[in-house]
Structures are given as structure tokens and as C-alpha cells.
């Protein structure tokens, strides 16, 4: 039996030093706590190249550390060819959502892009910008704290959706393996020692 492929999620913001690495490490911690470690791969990237190779913003690191999240981050830019191997691309605001969908090579890839706060039942889905996680870069530590709160509030709903997708994929794999096994048994029986003999 082959090992199932991990479900892959990438969080994307502008420069990959504030919002998306915070979302990456929060979500990874929640996934490990839920027992999905090994079934799920989580990473992050930015829509632009401005901070490639840099670590996370010091304020993001301080807030993550204060709340018990570990991080070891190096910023990078999202590439269109990544769509093929990703299951979900999670945008931190509507600007990223539009950029990523425009970058997607196919409609199927574009459909993989979702807003993080769309998974938060307490977010105002009808307000203008109500599903955005505001950029804290030009603010203070309080803005990073608010950013973390929004990310944490949405992570539970996202985790439920991902867990359901993983469960569905496992059921499909099991069904396909069962069908392959049945075909193999049928072929073996058809080619057995009594194959071709007439029955009385």
C-alpha cells in the first residue's frame, strides 16, 4: 500500500515576513495538536520579492514567541508553478486573493486560493474588507497582536476543512486500492488452473 501524499497548504501575504509566517506557524501548531502531523505540509510565501531570504519581522517573532509558537522562518516569493503541488493557497487579504488567482495557470488552480478569514465564523463576511487580515507592518506591537488574534480565530475552521479534505482523500485512496485488489483477484482467478475448462 502506497503512502498517501501529504495535503499541502501555503499561506501568502505581501512580503512573507509578517502575516503569512504568523499564519504558517499558528496553523502548523494547531495541526500537530490535532494529530495531523505527517499528513499535512504547511508553508508560506509573499506575492513580491522584497524580503526574500530575510527572517520574519522582529515584532512577529516576539508575538509568536509570547504566545508559545516556535518559528524558524526564511521569506520567499510565491511562484506560479507551485500551484500544481498545492492543495490550498490561503491569502491573508483580498488583494493577495486577486493577485494569486490572476497568477494561477488554470481555473482549477485559481479555485485553490481562499481567504483565511473566510474560515472564521465570527468574521463579518458582508463588510468591505471584513475578511482581510490588516497588514501590521507599519503599526506597532498591538497591531501584530490583533493580527495573531484574527489568525487564531480562523485557524480552527481552516483546520476542520483541511481535516475533512484529508479524510475524504484517504477514503478515495482506500476505495481505489480495494478496486485494484478486486481486479487483481479477478485476473488471477481467470488465469488459474481451471481457466478455460468446461463445466458439466
C-alpha atoms as a PDB file:
ATOM      1  CA  UNK A   1       0.000   0.000   0.000  1.00  0.00           C
ATOM      2  CA  UNK A   2       1.443   3.358  -1.016  1.00  0.00           C
ATOM      3  CA  UNK A   3       1.819   6.156   1.489  1.00  0.00           C
ATOM      4  CA  UNK A   4      -0.752   8.911   0.919  1.00  0.00           C
ATOM      5  CA  UNK A   5       0.582  12.234  -0.319  1.00  0.00           C
ATOM      6  CA  UNK A   6       0.511  14.977   2.322  1.00  0.00           C
ATOM      7  CA  UNK A   7      -2.096  17.700   1.996  1.00  0.00           C
ATOM      8  CA  UNK A   8      -0.237  20.927   1.202  1.00  0.00           C
ATOM      9  CA  UNK A   9      -1.261  24.411   2.366  1.00  0.00           C
ATOM     10  CA  UNK A  10       0.606  27.653   1.621  1.00  0.00           C
ATOM     11  CA  UNK A  11      -0.221  30.964   3.340  1.00  0.00           C
ATOM     12  CA  UNK A  12       0.511  34.093   1.300  1.00  0.00           C
ATOM     13  CA  UNK A  13       0.805  37.773   2.218  1.00  0.00           C
ATOM     14  CA  UNK A  14       2.804  40.636   0.660  1.00  0.00           C
ATOM     15  CA  UNK A  15       6.411  40.227   1.786  1.00  0.00           C
ATOM     16  CA  UNK A  16       6.252  36.952   3.757  1.00  0.00           C
ATOM     17  CA  UNK A  17       7.657  38.475   6.954  1.00  0.00           C
ATOM     18  CA  UNK A  18       4.528  39.326   8.991  1.00  0.00           C
ATOM     19  CA  UNK A  19       1.096  37.863   8.354  1.00  0.00           C
ATOM     20  CA  UNK A  20       1.818  34.716   6.352  1.00  0.00           C
ATOM     21  CA  UNK A  21       4.626  33.357   8.558  1.00  0.00           C
ATOM     22  CA  UNK A  22       2.461  34.018  11.614  1.00  0.00           C
ATOM     23  CA  UNK A  23      -0.379  32.083   9.963  1.00  0.00           C
ATOM     24  CA  UNK A  24       2.011  29.299   8.956  1.00  0.00           C
ATOM     25  CA  UNK A  25       3.346  28.673  12.448  1.00  0.00           C
ATOM     26  CA  UNK A  26      -0.010  29.056  14.195  1.00  0.00           C
ATOM     27  CA  UNK A  27      -1.688  26.648  11.791  1.00  0.00           C
ATOM     28  CA  UNK A  28       1.175  24.148  11.954  1.00  0.00           C
ATOM     29  CA  UNK A  29       0.952  24.111  15.756  1.00  0.00           C
ATOM     30  CA  UNK A  30      -2.810  23.523  15.598  1.00  0.00           C
ATOM     31  CA  UNK A  31      -2.332  20.723  13.057  1.00  0.00           C
ATOM     32  CA  UNK A  32       0.233  18.966  15.250  1.00  0.00           C
ATOM     33  CA  UNK A  33      -2.081  19.283  18.250  1.00  0.00           C
ATOM     34  CA  UNK A  34      -4.894  17.740  16.168  1.00  0.00           C
ATOM     35  CA  UNK A  35      -2.723  14.753  15.247  1.00  0.00           C
ATOM     36  CA  UNK A  36      -2.348  15.723  11.576  1.00  0.00           C
ATOM     37  CA  UNK A  37       1.442  15.916  11.707  1.00  0.00           C
ATOM     38  CA  UNK A  38       2.769  13.857   8.797  1.00  0.00           C
ATOM     39  CA  UNK A  39      -0.480  14.153   6.838  1.00  0.00           C
ATOM     40  CA  UNK A  40      -0.114  17.872   6.250  1.00  0.00           C
ATOM     41  CA  UNK A  41       2.609  20.180   4.914  1.00  0.00           C
ATOM     42  CA  UNK A  42       2.378  23.888   5.772  1.00  0.00           C
ATOM     43  CA  UNK A  43       4.471  26.753   4.457  1.00  0.00           C
ATOM     44  CA  UNK A  44       4.183  30.402   3.430  1.00  0.00           C
ATOM     45  CA  UNK A  45       5.324  32.918   0.840  1.00  0.00           C
ATOM     46  CA  UNK A  46       4.881  36.516  -0.332  1.00  0.00           C
ATOM     47  CA  UNK A  47       3.434  37.940  -3.533  1.00  0.00           C
ATOM     48  CA  UNK A  48       6.587  40.052  -4.011  1.00  0.00           C
ATOM     49  CA  UNK A  49      10.381  39.559  -3.722  1.00  0.00           C
ATOM     50  CA  UNK A  50      11.204  42.452  -1.369  1.00  0.00           C
ATOM     51  CA  UNK A  51      12.195  40.367   1.669  1.00  0.00           C
ATOM     52  CA  UNK A  52      13.409  37.129   0.070  1.00  0.00           C
ATOM     53  CA  UNK A  53      15.989  35.477   2.300  1.00  0.00           C
ATOM     54  CA  UNK A  54      15.057  37.549   5.362  1.00  0.00           C
ATOM     55  CA  UNK A  55      13.701  36.213   8.623  1.00  0.00           C
ATOM     56  CA  UNK A  56      10.293  37.160   9.961  1.00  0.00           C
ATOM     57  CA  UNK A  57       9.703  40.690  11.251  1.00  0.00           C
ATOM     58  CA  UNK A  58      11.016  41.020  14.808  1.00  0.00           C
ATOM     59  CA  UNK A  59       7.587  42.059  16.070  1.00  0.00           C
ATOM     60  CA  UNK A  60       6.013  38.953  14.507  1.00  0.00           C
ATOM     61  CA  UNK A  61       8.657  36.809  16.182  1.00  0.00           C
ATOM     62  CA  UNK A  62       8.076  38.496  19.554  1.00  0.00           C
ATOM     63  CA  UNK A  63       4.299  37.997  19.381  1.00  0.00           C
ATOM     64  CA  UNK A  64       4.591  34.376  18.249  1.00  0.00           C
ATOM     65  CA  UNK A  65       7.118  33.617  20.984  1.00  0.00           C
ATOM     66  CA  UNK A  66       4.991  35.314  23.646  1.00  0.00           C
ATOM     67  CA  UNK A  67       2.093  33.042  22.708  1.00  0.00           C
ATOM     68  CA  UNK A  68       4.154  29.856  22.686  1.00  0.00           C
ATOM     69  CA  UNK A  69       4.629  29.401  18.930  1.00  0.00           C
ATOM     70  CA  UNK A  70       8.011  28.312  17.603  1.00  0.00           C
ATOM     71  CA  UNK A  71       9.290  29.686  14.287  1.00  0.00           C
ATOM     72  CA  UNK A  72      12.329  29.401  12.066  1.00  0.00           C
ATOM     73  CA  UNK A  73      11.398  31.430   9.019  1.00  0.00           C
ATOM     74  CA  UNK A  74      13.081  32.487   5.767  1.00  0.00           C
ATOM     75  CA  UNK A  75      10.993  34.668   3.413  1.00  0.00           C
ATOM     76  CA  UNK A  76      10.408  33.731  -0.215  1.00  0.00           C
ATOM     77  CA  UNK A  77       8.219  34.737  -3.155  1.00  0.00           C
ATOM     78  CA  UNK A  78       5.276  32.646  -4.338  1.00  0.00           C
ATOM     79  CA  UNK A  79       5.764  31.077  -7.777  1.00  0.00           C
ATOM     80  CA  UNK A  80       3.015  30.137 -10.246  1.00  0.00           C
ATOM     81  CA  UNK A  81       4.452  26.648 -10.759  1.00  0.00           C
ATOM     82  CA  UNK A  82       3.772  25.835  -7.104  1.00  0.00           C
ATOM     83  CA  UNK A  83       0.043  25.607  -7.796  1.00  0.00           C
ATOM     84  CA  UNK A  84       0.470  22.143  -9.268  1.00  0.00           C
ATOM     85  CA  UNK A  85       1.661  20.660  -5.970  1.00  0.00           C
ATOM     86  CA  UNK A  86      -0.501  22.689  -3.572  1.00  0.00           C
ATOM     87  CA  UNK A  87      -3.994  21.779  -2.368  1.00  0.00           C
ATOM     88  CA  UNK A  88      -4.847  25.141  -0.792  1.00  0.00           C
ATOM     89  CA  UNK A  89      -3.354  28.621  -1.157  1.00  0.00           C
ATOM     90  CA  UNK A  90      -4.530  30.819   1.702  1.00  0.00           C
ATOM     91  CA  UNK A  91      -4.487  34.573   1.057  1.00  0.00           C
ATOM     92  CA  UNK A  92      -4.315  36.946   4.020  1.00  0.00           C
ATOM     93  CA  UNK A  93      -6.299  39.724   2.336  1.00  0.00           C
ATOM     94  CA  UNK A  94      -8.421  40.353  -0.758  1.00  0.00           C
ATOM     95  CA  UNK A  95      -5.521  42.000  -2.624  1.00  0.00           C
ATOM     96  CA  UNK A  96      -3.480  38.811  -2.311  1.00  0.00           C
ATOM     97  CA  UNK A  97      -6.539  36.779  -3.305  1.00  0.00           C
ATOM     98  CA  UNK A  98      -6.888  38.664  -6.604  1.00  0.00           C
ATOM     99  CA  UNK A  99      -3.144  38.591  -7.339  1.00  0.00           C
ATOM    100  CA  UNK A 100      -2.893  34.863  -6.726  1.00  0.00           C
ATOM    101  CA  UNK A 101      -5.971  33.990  -8.767  1.00  0.00           C
ATOM    102  CA  UNK A 102      -4.601  36.085 -11.643  1.00  0.00           C
ATOM    103  CA  UNK A 103      -1.300  34.206 -11.337  1.00  0.00           C
ATOM    104  CA  UNK A 104      -2.962  30.776 -11.370  1.00  0.00           C
ATOM    105  CA  UNK A 105      -2.289  28.833 -14.594  1.00  0.00           C
ATOM    106  CA  UNK A 106      -5.766  27.224 -14.728  1.00  0.00           C
ATOM    107  CA  UNK A 107      -9.259  27.815 -13.297  1.00  0.00           C
ATOM    108  CA  UNK A 108      -8.727  24.700 -11.168  1.00  0.00           C
ATOM    109  CA  UNK A 109      -5.625  26.312  -9.643  1.00  0.00           C
ATOM    110  CA  UNK A 110      -7.434  29.624  -9.131  1.00  0.00           C
ATOM    111  CA  UNK A 111     -10.125  27.776  -7.166  1.00  0.00           C
ATOM    112  CA  UNK A 112      -7.455  26.642  -4.688  1.00  0.00           C
ATOM    113  CA  UNK A 113      -6.997  30.247  -3.489  1.00  0.00           C
ATOM    114  CA  UNK A 114      -9.120  31.161  -0.453  1.00  0.00           C
ATOM    115  CA  UNK A 115      -9.153  33.931   2.142  1.00  0.00           C
ATOM    116  CA  UNK A 116      -8.043  32.887   5.613  1.00  0.00           C
ATOM    117  CA  UNK A 117     -10.818  34.736   7.421  1.00  0.00           C
ATOM    118  CA  UNK A 118     -13.445  33.029   5.264  1.00  0.00           C
ATOM    119  CA  UNK A 119     -12.922  30.176   7.748  1.00  0.00           C
ATOM    120  CA  UNK A 120     -13.702  32.409  10.755  1.00  0.00           C
ATOM    121  CA  UNK A 121     -17.415  32.181  11.653  1.00  0.00           C
ATOM    122  CA  UNK A 122     -17.144  35.413  13.669  1.00  0.00           C
ATOM    123  CA  UNK A 123     -15.710  37.481  10.798  1.00  0.00           C
ATOM    124  CA  UNK A 124     -18.028  39.974   9.104  1.00  0.00           C
ATOM    125  CA  UNK A 125     -18.399  38.344   5.691  1.00  0.00           C
ATOM    126  CA  UNK A 126     -20.526  41.208   4.355  1.00  0.00           C
ATOM    127  CA  UNK A 127     -18.420  44.206   5.378  1.00  0.00           C
ATOM    128  CA  UNK A 128     -15.971  45.763   2.914  1.00  0.00           C
ATOM    129  CA  UNK A 129     -12.615  44.256   3.795  1.00  0.00           C
ATOM    130  CA  UNK A 130     -14.298  42.236   6.523  1.00  0.00           C
ATOM    131  CA  UNK A 131     -12.347  39.118   5.601  1.00  0.00           C
ATOM    132  CA  UNK A 132      -8.955  40.843   5.390  1.00  0.00           C
ATOM    133  CA  UNK A 133      -6.207  40.443   7.958  1.00  0.00           C
ATOM    134  CA  UNK A 134      -4.821  44.032   8.004  1.00  0.00           C
ATOM    135  CA  UNK A 135      -1.091  44.465   7.384  1.00  0.00           C
ATOM    136  CA  UNK A 136       0.575  45.246  10.758  1.00  0.00           C
ATOM    137  CA  UNK A 137       3.931  46.194   9.194  1.00  0.00           C
ATOM    138  CA  UNK A 138       3.518  49.970   9.613  1.00  0.00           C
ATOM    139  CA  UNK A 139       1.899  49.649  13.032  1.00  0.00           C
ATOM    140  CA  UNK A 140       3.047  48.688  16.490  1.00  0.00           C
ATOM    141  CA  UNK A 141       3.105  45.554  18.597  1.00  0.00           C
ATOM    142  CA  UNK A 142      -0.634  45.892  19.280  1.00  0.00           C
ATOM    143  CA  UNK A 143      -1.301  45.559  15.558  1.00  0.00           C
ATOM    144  CA  UNK A 144       0.686  42.323  15.489  1.00  0.00           C
ATOM    145  CA  UNK A 145      -1.292  41.059  18.481  1.00  0.00           C
ATOM    146  CA  UNK A 146      -4.540  41.853  16.649  1.00  0.00           C
ATOM    147  CA  UNK A 147      -3.197  40.092  13.562  1.00  0.00           C
ATOM    148  CA  UNK A 148      -2.425  36.994  15.631  1.00  0.00           C
ATOM    149  CA  UNK A 149      -5.905  37.003  17.159  1.00  0.00           C
ATOM    150  CA  UNK A 150      -7.513  37.062  13.696  1.00  0.00           C
ATOM    151  CA  UNK A 151      -5.266  34.239  12.517  1.00  0.00           C
ATOM    152  CA  UNK A 152      -6.037  32.111  15.555  1.00  0.00           C
ATOM    153  CA  UNK A 153      -9.779  32.734  15.187  1.00  0.00           C
ATOM    154  CA  UNK A 154      -9.740  31.456  11.602  1.00  0.00           C
ATOM    155  CA  UNK A 155      -7.333  28.559  12.122  1.00  0.00           C
ATOM    156  CA  UNK A 156      -9.883  26.270  13.769  1.00  0.00           C
ATOM    157  CA  UNK A 157     -12.311  26.473  10.842  1.00  0.00           C
ATOM    158  CA  UNK A 158      -9.499  26.037   8.326  1.00  0.00           C
ATOM    159  CA  UNK A 159      -8.203  23.024  10.241  1.00  0.00           C
ATOM    160  CA  UNK A 160     -11.673  21.443  10.191  1.00  0.00           C
ATOM    161  CA  UNK A 161     -11.885  21.949   6.408  1.00  0.00           C
ATOM    162  CA  UNK A 162      -8.414  20.514   5.835  1.00  0.00           C
ATOM    163  CA  UNK A 163      -9.058  17.532   8.125  1.00  0.00           C
ATOM    164  CA  UNK A 164     -12.254  16.786   6.190  1.00  0.00           C
ATOM    165  CA  UNK A 165     -10.376  17.023   2.863  1.00  0.00           C
ATOM    166  CA  UNK A 166      -7.666  14.661   4.145  1.00  0.00           C
ATOM    167  CA  UNK A 167     -10.307  12.198   5.372  1.00  0.00           C
ATOM    168  CA  UNK A 168     -12.079  12.304   2.006  1.00  0.00           C
ATOM    169  CA  UNK A 169      -8.802  11.733   0.132  1.00  0.00           C
ATOM    170  CA  UNK A 170      -7.978   8.750   2.366  1.00  0.00           C
ATOM    171  CA  UNK A 171     -11.411   7.211   1.700  1.00  0.00           C
ATOM    172  CA  UNK A 172     -10.934   7.660  -2.054  1.00  0.00           C
ATOM    173  CA  UNK A 173      -7.462   6.066  -1.844  1.00  0.00           C
ATOM    174  CA  UNK A 174      -8.873   3.132   0.137  1.00  0.00           C
ATOM    175  CA  UNK A 175     -11.700   2.631  -2.365  1.00  0.00           C
ATOM    176  CA  UNK A 176      -9.291   2.770  -5.313  1.00  0.00           C
ATOM    177  CA  UNK A 177      -6.937   0.287  -3.644  1.00  0.00           C
ATOM    178  CA  UNK A 178      -9.876  -2.025  -2.962  1.00  0.00           C
ATOM    179  CA  UNK A 179     -10.936  -1.829  -6.603  1.00  0.00           C
ATOM    180  CA  UNK A 180      -7.381  -2.560  -7.769  1.00  0.00           C
ATOM    181  CA  UNK A 181      -7.176  -5.538  -5.415  1.00  0.00           C
ATOM    182  CA  UNK A 182     -10.503  -6.896  -6.669  1.00  0.00           C
ATOM    183  CA  UNK A 183      -9.360  -6.554 -10.292  1.00  0.00           C
ATOM    184  CA  UNK A 184      -6.150  -8.379  -9.434  1.00  0.00           C
ATOM    185  CA  UNK A 185      -8.027 -11.244  -7.760  1.00  0.00           C
ATOM    186  CA  UNK A 186     -10.393 -11.486 -10.737  1.00  0.00           C
ATOM    187  CA  UNK A 187      -7.487 -11.619 -13.182  1.00  0.00           C
ATOM    188  CA  UNK A 188      -5.756 -14.278 -11.067  1.00  0.00           C
ATOM    189  CA  UNK A 189      -8.884 -16.408 -10.956  1.00  0.00           C
ATOM    190  CA  UNK A 190      -9.407 -16.014 -14.691  1.00  0.00           C
ATOM    191  CA  UNK A 191      -5.892 -17.270 -15.353  1.00  0.00           C
ATOM    192  CA  UNK A 192      -5.955 -20.083 -12.761  1.00  0.00           C
ATOM    193  CA  UNK A 193      -5.507 -23.838 -13.329  1.00  0.00           C
ATOM    194  CA  UNK A 194      -9.172 -24.355 -14.197  1.00  0.00           C
ATOM    195  CA  UNK A 195      -9.347 -21.478 -16.676  1.00  0.00           C
ATOM    196  CA  UNK A 196     -10.887 -22.489 -19.986  1.00  0.00           C
ATOM    197  CA  UNK A 197     -12.318 -25.815 -18.704  1.00  0.00           C
ATOM    198  CA  UNK A 198     -15.911 -26.572 -19.477  1.00  0.00           C
ATOM    199  CA  UNK A 199     -18.206 -27.185 -16.527  1.00  0.00           C
ATOM    200  CA  UNK A 200     -20.517 -30.198 -16.500  1.00  0.00           C
END
